[in-house]
């Protein structure tokens, strides 16, 4: 039995407690692109289509591009003095304290109106 992928919305952060713009989705661990996108599609915490349309500023439906799913490493970093308990993730090299992540930035979500006719017919 496989463990479900715990997908989270990726947001930019301006500081402690800030909920900035939506940048995409992420999860701890390196996951296959197809499985990661399937986890985004089936997550019950949000409507992924509404999140993507709002962030991209489009009313058209979007699709998630498997080729844009990326693997990397992030490290949890504190904001600094006076912000105990507040932290954010920063990209880093693989190593001690690094967490493997799978990421899909909204640049990988393509509004249907911007796709070529060949993609639509496929």
N, C-alpha and C. Protein backbone atom coordinates (compact mmCIF):
# COMPACT_ATOMS: atom_id res chain seq x y z
N UNK A 1 0.83 -1.18 0.00
CA UNK A 1 0.00 0.00 0.00
C UNK A 1 0.88 1.25 0.00
N UNK A 2 0.54 2.21 -0.83
CA UNK A 2 1.33 3.44 -0.89
C UNK A 2 0.78 4.48 0.08
N UNK A 3 1.66 5.29 0.60
CA UNK A 3 1.27 6.36 1.49
C UNK A 3 0.74 7.53 0.67
N UNK A 4 -0.40 8.14 1.07
CA UNK A 4 -0.91 9.28 0.32
C UNK A 4 0.09 10.45 0.36
N UNK A 5 0.12 11.21 -0.71
CA UNK A 5 1.00 12.38 -0.79
C UNK A 5 0.28 13.56 -0.15
N UNK A 6 0.91 14.17 0.85
CA UNK A 6 0.33 15.32 1.56
C UNK A 6 0.71 16.61 0.83
N UNK A 7 -0.10 17.00 -0.12
CA UNK A 7 0.17 18.18 -0.94
C UNK A 7 -0.27 19.44 -0.20
N UNK A 8 0.55 20.48 -0.31
CA UNK A 8 0.23 21.78 0.31
C UNK A 8 0.30 22.87 -0.77
N UNK A 9 -0.45 23.93 -0.55
CA UNK A 9 -0.37 25.09 -1.45
C UNK A 9 0.92 25.84 -1.13
N UNK A 10 1.68 26.19 -2.16
CA UNK A 10 2.92 26.94 -2.01
C UNK A 10 2.61 28.42 -2.16
N UNK A 11 2.94 29.21 -1.16
CA UNK A 11 2.69 30.66 -1.18
C UNK A 11 3.99 31.42 -0.96
N UNK A 12 4.05 32.61 -1.53
CA UNK A 12 5.19 33.47 -1.21
C UNK A 12 4.96 34.03 0.18
N UNK A 13 6.03 34.35 0.86
CA UNK A 13 5.92 34.88 2.22
C UNK A 13 6.67 36.19 2.31
N UNK A 14 5.99 37.21 2.81
CA UNK A 14 6.62 38.51 3.01
C UNK A 14 7.17 38.65 4.42
N UNK A 15 6.74 37.77 5.30
CA UNK A 15 7.19 37.83 6.68
C UNK A 15 6.31 36.92 7.53
N UNK A 16 6.53 36.90 8.84
CA UNK A 16 5.78 36.03 9.73
C UNK A 16 4.28 36.27 9.61
N UNK A 17 3.51 35.19 9.49
CA UNK A 17 2.06 35.31 9.43
C UNK A 17 1.52 35.77 8.10
N UNK A 18 2.38 36.03 7.15
CA UNK A 18 1.96 36.52 5.84
C UNK A 18 1.46 35.38 4.98
N UNK A 19 0.35 35.59 4.30
CA UNK A 19 -0.13 34.64 3.30
C UNK A 19 -0.09 35.35 1.96
N UNK A 20 1.02 35.23 1.29
CA UNK A 20 1.21 35.92 0.01
C UNK A 20 0.52 35.21 -1.13
N UNK A 21 0.90 35.56 -2.32
CA UNK A 21 0.32 35.01 -3.54
C UNK A 21 0.59 33.51 -3.64
N UNK A 22 -0.33 32.80 -4.27
CA UNK A 22 -0.15 31.38 -4.51
C UNK A 22 0.89 31.20 -5.62
N UNK A 23 1.89 30.35 -5.37
CA UNK A 23 2.94 30.08 -6.34
C UNK A 23 2.81 28.69 -6.96
N UNK A 24 2.07 27.79 -6.31
CA UNK A 24 1.93 26.43 -6.81
C UNK A 24 1.61 25.46 -5.70
N UNK A 25 2.13 24.23 -5.81
CA UNK A 25 1.89 23.18 -4.83
C UNK A 25 3.21 22.49 -4.50
N UNK A 26 3.29 21.90 -3.32
CA UNK A 26 4.49 21.19 -2.93
C UNK A 26 4.15 20.07 -1.95
N UNK A 27 5.07 19.13 -1.79
CA UNK A 27 4.93 18.06 -0.81
C UNK A 27 6.32 17.61 -0.39
N UNK A 28 6.42 17.14 0.83
CA UNK A 28 7.68 16.56 1.29
C UNK A 28 7.91 15.25 0.56
N UNK A 29 9.17 14.99 0.23
CA UNK A 29 9.55 13.75 -0.45
C UNK A 29 9.60 13.95 -1.95
N UNK A 30 10.34 13.07 -2.62
CA UNK A 30 10.40 13.08 -4.07
C UNK A 30 9.35 12.09 -4.59
N UNK A 31 8.40 12.58 -5.38
CA UNK A 31 7.30 11.77 -5.89
C UNK A 31 7.31 11.78 -7.41
N UNK A 32 6.78 10.72 -8.00
CA UNK A 32 6.63 10.66 -9.45
C UNK A 32 5.68 11.76 -9.89
N UNK A 33 5.97 12.43 -11.02
CA UNK A 33 5.11 13.52 -11.48
C UNK A 33 3.63 13.15 -11.62
N UNK A 34 3.34 11.98 -12.17
CA UNK A 34 1.95 11.57 -12.35
C UNK A 34 1.25 11.42 -11.01
N UNK A 35 1.92 10.83 -10.04
CA UNK A 35 1.34 10.63 -8.71
C UNK A 35 1.14 11.96 -7.99
N UNK A 36 2.10 12.88 -8.16
CA UNK A 36 2.00 14.19 -7.53
C UNK A 36 0.82 14.98 -8.09
N UNK A 37 0.66 15.00 -9.39
CA UNK A 37 -0.46 15.71 -10.01
C UNK A 37 -1.78 15.05 -9.62
N UNK A 38 -1.82 13.74 -9.57
CA UNK A 38 -3.03 13.04 -9.13
C UNK A 38 -3.39 13.43 -7.70
N UNK A 39 -2.38 13.60 -6.83
CA UNK A 39 -2.62 14.02 -5.45
C UNK A 39 -3.18 15.44 -5.39
N UNK A 40 -2.70 16.33 -6.27
CA UNK A 40 -3.25 17.69 -6.33
C UNK A 40 -4.71 17.62 -6.75
N UNK A 41 -5.00 16.81 -7.75
CA UNK A 41 -6.37 16.70 -8.27
C UNK A 41 -7.34 16.15 -7.24
N UNK A 42 -6.88 15.26 -6.37
CA UNK A 42 -7.78 14.61 -5.43
C UNK A 42 -7.77 15.21 -4.03
N UNK A 43 -6.96 16.23 -3.79
CA UNK A 43 -6.91 16.85 -2.45
C UNK A 43 -8.26 17.48 -2.14
N UNK A 44 -8.77 17.23 -0.97
CA UNK A 44 -10.09 17.74 -0.58
C UNK A 44 -10.04 19.05 0.19
N UNK A 45 -8.83 19.59 0.44
CA UNK A 45 -8.71 20.83 1.21
C UNK A 45 -9.00 22.06 0.37
N UNK A 46 -8.97 21.93 -0.94
CA UNK A 46 -9.21 23.07 -1.81
C UNK A 46 -9.64 22.57 -3.18
N UNK A 47 -10.17 23.49 -3.99
CA UNK A 47 -10.48 23.22 -5.39
C UNK A 47 -9.28 23.69 -6.19
N UNK A 48 -8.45 22.76 -6.66
CA UNK A 48 -7.20 23.14 -7.32
C UNK A 48 -7.45 23.99 -8.55
N UNK A 49 -8.56 23.75 -9.27
CA UNK A 49 -8.85 24.54 -10.47
C UNK A 49 -9.09 26.01 -10.10
N UNK A 50 -9.86 26.23 -9.02
CA UNK A 50 -10.15 27.60 -8.59
C UNK A 50 -8.87 28.29 -8.12
N UNK A 51 -8.01 27.57 -7.40
CA UNK A 51 -6.73 28.14 -6.95
C UNK A 51 -5.90 28.57 -8.15
N UNK A 52 -5.77 27.69 -9.14
CA UNK A 52 -4.95 27.99 -10.31
C UNK A 52 -5.54 29.12 -11.14
N UNK A 53 -6.86 29.10 -11.37
CA UNK A 53 -7.48 30.17 -12.17
C UNK A 53 -7.31 31.53 -11.51
N UNK A 54 -7.52 31.58 -10.20
CA UNK A 54 -7.38 32.86 -9.48
C UNK A 54 -5.94 33.36 -9.55
N UNK A 55 -4.98 32.48 -9.28
CA UNK A 55 -3.57 32.88 -9.29
C UNK A 55 -3.10 33.29 -10.68
N UNK A 56 -3.63 32.64 -11.72
CA UNK A 56 -3.22 32.97 -13.09
C UNK A 56 -4.06 34.11 -13.69
N UNK A 57 -5.12 34.50 -12.99
CA UNK A 57 -5.96 35.58 -13.47
C UNK A 57 -6.74 35.21 -14.72
N UNK A 58 -7.26 33.99 -14.77
CA UNK A 58 -8.01 33.54 -15.94
C UNK A 58 -9.32 32.90 -15.50
N UNK A 59 -10.32 32.97 -16.36
CA UNK A 59 -11.58 32.29 -16.12
C UNK A 59 -11.59 30.92 -16.81
N UNK A 60 -10.60 30.70 -17.68
CA UNK A 60 -10.53 29.45 -18.43
C UNK A 60 -10.00 28.33 -17.54
N UNK A 61 -10.35 27.10 -17.90
CA UNK A 61 -9.84 25.96 -17.15
C UNK A 61 -8.34 25.81 -17.41
N UNK A 62 -7.67 25.12 -16.55
CA UNK A 62 -6.22 24.93 -16.66
C UNK A 62 -5.91 23.44 -16.59
N UNK A 63 -4.72 23.08 -17.04
CA UNK A 63 -4.22 21.72 -16.86
C UNK A 63 -2.86 21.82 -16.20
N UNK A 64 -2.45 20.79 -15.51
CA UNK A 64 -1.15 20.76 -14.86
C UNK A 64 -0.20 19.93 -15.71
N UNK A 65 0.95 20.48 -16.00
CA UNK A 65 1.93 19.88 -16.90
C UNK A 65 2.92 19.02 -16.12
N UNK A 66 2.89 17.70 -16.34
CA UNK A 66 3.79 16.78 -15.63
C UNK A 66 5.26 17.13 -15.83
N UNK A 67 5.60 17.67 -17.00
CA UNK A 67 7.01 17.98 -17.27
C UNK A 67 7.52 19.13 -16.41
N UNK A 68 6.62 19.86 -15.76
CA UNK A 68 7.03 21.00 -14.92
C UNK A 68 7.20 20.62 -13.45
N UNK A 69 6.87 19.38 -13.10
CA UNK A 69 7.06 18.92 -11.71
C UNK A 69 8.56 18.80 -11.46
N UNK A 70 9.02 19.38 -10.36
CA UNK A 70 10.46 19.41 -10.06
C UNK A 70 10.73 18.81 -8.69
N UNK A 71 11.94 18.27 -8.55
CA UNK A 71 12.41 17.76 -7.26
C UNK A 71 13.53 18.66 -6.77
N UNK A 72 13.58 18.85 -5.47
CA UNK A 72 14.63 19.68 -4.91
C UNK A 72 14.78 19.40 -3.43
N UNK A 73 15.51 20.29 -2.77
CA UNK A 73 15.73 20.20 -1.33
C UNK A 73 15.50 21.57 -0.72
N UNK A 74 14.79 21.59 0.41
CA UNK A 74 14.51 22.82 1.13
C UNK A 74 14.93 22.65 2.59
N UNK A 75 15.21 23.78 3.22
CA UNK A 75 15.56 23.80 4.64
C UNK A 75 14.64 24.80 5.34
N UNK A 76 14.11 24.42 6.50
CA UNK A 76 13.27 25.32 7.29
C UNK A 76 14.16 26.36 7.96
N UNK A 77 13.80 27.63 7.77
CA UNK A 77 14.58 28.74 8.32
C UNK A 77 13.67 29.64 9.15
N UNK A 78 14.16 30.08 10.30
CA UNK A 78 13.39 31.03 11.12
C UNK A 78 13.48 32.43 10.53
N UNK A 79 12.50 33.25 10.85
CA UNK A 79 12.50 34.63 10.35
C UNK A 79 13.45 35.53 11.13
N UNK A 80 13.76 35.16 12.35
CA UNK A 80 14.69 35.97 13.12
C UNK A 80 14.17 36.30 14.49
N UNK A 81 14.89 37.15 15.18
CA UNK A 81 14.58 37.54 16.55
C UNK A 81 13.17 38.08 16.67
N UNK A 82 12.45 37.60 17.67
CA UNK A 82 11.10 38.09 17.94
C UNK A 82 10.02 37.39 17.13
N UNK A 83 10.40 36.39 16.37
CA UNK A 83 9.40 35.67 15.57
C UNK A 83 9.46 34.18 15.88
N UNK A 84 9.58 33.83 17.15
CA UNK A 84 9.68 32.43 17.54
C UNK A 84 8.47 31.67 17.01
N UNK A 85 8.72 30.49 16.48
CA UNK A 85 7.65 29.65 15.96
C UNK A 85 7.27 29.98 14.52
N UNK A 86 7.84 31.04 13.96
CA UNK A 86 7.57 31.40 12.56
C UNK A 86 8.78 31.01 11.72
N UNK A 87 8.54 30.28 10.65
CA UNK A 87 9.64 29.86 9.79
C UNK A 87 9.15 29.74 8.37
N UNK A 88 10.09 29.65 7.46
CA UNK A 88 9.79 29.49 6.04
C UNK A 88 10.79 28.51 5.43
N UNK A 89 10.47 28.02 4.25
CA UNK A 89 11.34 27.07 3.56
C UNK A 89 12.22 27.80 2.57
N UNK A 90 13.50 27.42 2.53
CA UNK A 90 14.44 28.00 1.58
C UNK A 90 15.10 26.88 0.78
N UNK A 91 15.26 27.07 -0.53
CA UNK A 91 15.97 26.05 -1.33
C UNK A 91 17.40 25.89 -0.82
N UNK A 92 17.90 24.67 -0.88
CA UNK A 92 19.26 24.40 -0.42
C UNK A 92 19.80 23.18 -1.17
N UNK A 93 21.04 22.87 -0.91
CA UNK A 93 21.66 21.67 -1.46
C UNK A 93 21.28 20.47 -0.59
N UNK A 94 21.35 19.28 -1.16
CA UNK A 94 21.11 18.06 -0.40
C UNK A 94 22.16 17.96 0.69
N UNK A 95 21.74 17.59 1.88
CA UNK A 95 22.67 17.46 2.99
C UNK A 95 21.94 17.47 4.32
N UNK A 96 22.70 17.57 5.37
CA UNK A 96 22.14 17.55 6.71
C UNK A 96 21.14 18.69 6.89
N UNK A 97 19.95 18.36 7.40
CA UNK A 97 18.92 19.36 7.63
C UNK A 97 18.07 19.69 6.41
N UNK A 98 18.41 19.11 5.27
CA UNK A 98 17.65 19.36 4.04
C UNK A 98 16.48 18.38 3.94
N UNK A 99 15.36 18.87 3.45
CA UNK A 99 14.17 18.05 3.26
C UNK A 99 13.92 17.90 1.76
N UNK A 100 13.77 16.67 1.30
CA UNK A 100 13.44 16.43 -0.11
C UNK A 100 12.02 16.93 -0.37
N UNK A 101 11.81 17.62 -1.49
CA UNK A 101 10.49 18.14 -1.84
C UNK A 101 10.19 17.91 -3.32
N UNK A 102 8.90 17.83 -3.61
CA UNK A 102 8.40 17.82 -4.98
C UNK A 102 7.58 19.08 -5.13
N UNK A 103 7.79 19.81 -6.23
CA UNK A 103 7.17 21.13 -6.42
C UNK A 103 6.59 21.24 -7.82
N UNK A 104 5.43 21.90 -7.90
CA UNK A 104 4.87 22.31 -9.20
C UNK A 104 4.48 23.76 -9.06
N UNK A 105 5.26 24.63 -9.72
CA UNK A 105 4.93 26.05 -9.71
C UNK A 105 3.79 26.31 -10.68
N UNK A 106 3.02 27.35 -10.44
CA UNK A 106 1.88 27.65 -11.30
C UNK A 106 2.28 27.93 -12.74
N UNK A 107 3.54 28.20 -12.97
CA UNK A 107 4.00 28.33 -14.36
C UNK A 107 3.77 27.02 -15.09
N UNK A 108 3.62 25.93 -14.36
CA UNK A 108 3.32 24.63 -14.95
C UNK A 108 1.83 24.40 -15.16
N UNK A 109 1.01 25.36 -14.76
CA UNK A 109 -0.43 25.29 -15.01
C UNK A 109 -0.73 26.15 -16.22
N UNK A 110 -1.24 25.54 -17.25
CA UNK A 110 -1.40 26.23 -18.53
C UNK A 110 -2.88 26.51 -18.78
N UNK A 111 -3.27 27.80 -18.86
CA UNK A 111 -4.67 28.10 -19.21
C UNK A 111 -4.98 27.57 -20.61
N UNK A 112 -6.14 26.98 -20.78
CA UNK A 112 -6.49 26.38 -22.06
C UNK A 112 -6.46 27.38 -23.21
N UNK A 113 -6.78 28.66 -22.95
CA UNK A 113 -6.81 29.61 -24.07
C UNK A 113 -5.43 29.92 -24.62
N UNK A 114 -4.36 29.55 -23.90
CA UNK A 114 -3.00 29.83 -24.38
C UNK A 114 -2.37 28.61 -25.06
N UNK A 115 -3.08 27.49 -25.09
CA UNK A 115 -2.51 26.29 -25.70
C UNK A 115 -2.69 26.34 -27.21
N UNK A 116 -1.81 25.66 -27.90
CA UNK A 116 -1.89 25.61 -29.36
C UNK A 116 -3.04 24.70 -29.79
N UNK A 117 -3.48 24.83 -30.99
CA UNK A 117 -4.56 24.02 -31.52
C UNK A 117 -4.19 22.53 -31.48
N UNK A 118 -2.91 22.20 -31.71
CA UNK A 118 -2.49 20.81 -31.68
C UNK A 118 -2.66 20.22 -30.28
N UNK A 119 -2.37 21.01 -29.23
CA UNK A 119 -2.54 20.52 -27.87
C UNK A 119 -4.01 20.29 -27.56
N UNK A 120 -4.87 21.19 -28.03
CA UNK A 120 -6.31 21.07 -27.76
C UNK A 120 -6.87 19.84 -28.43
N UNK A 121 -6.43 19.55 -29.64
CA UNK A 121 -6.94 18.40 -30.39
C UNK A 121 -6.37 17.08 -29.92
N UNK A 122 -5.27 17.11 -29.19
CA UNK A 122 -4.59 15.86 -28.77
C UNK A 122 -5.43 15.07 -27.79
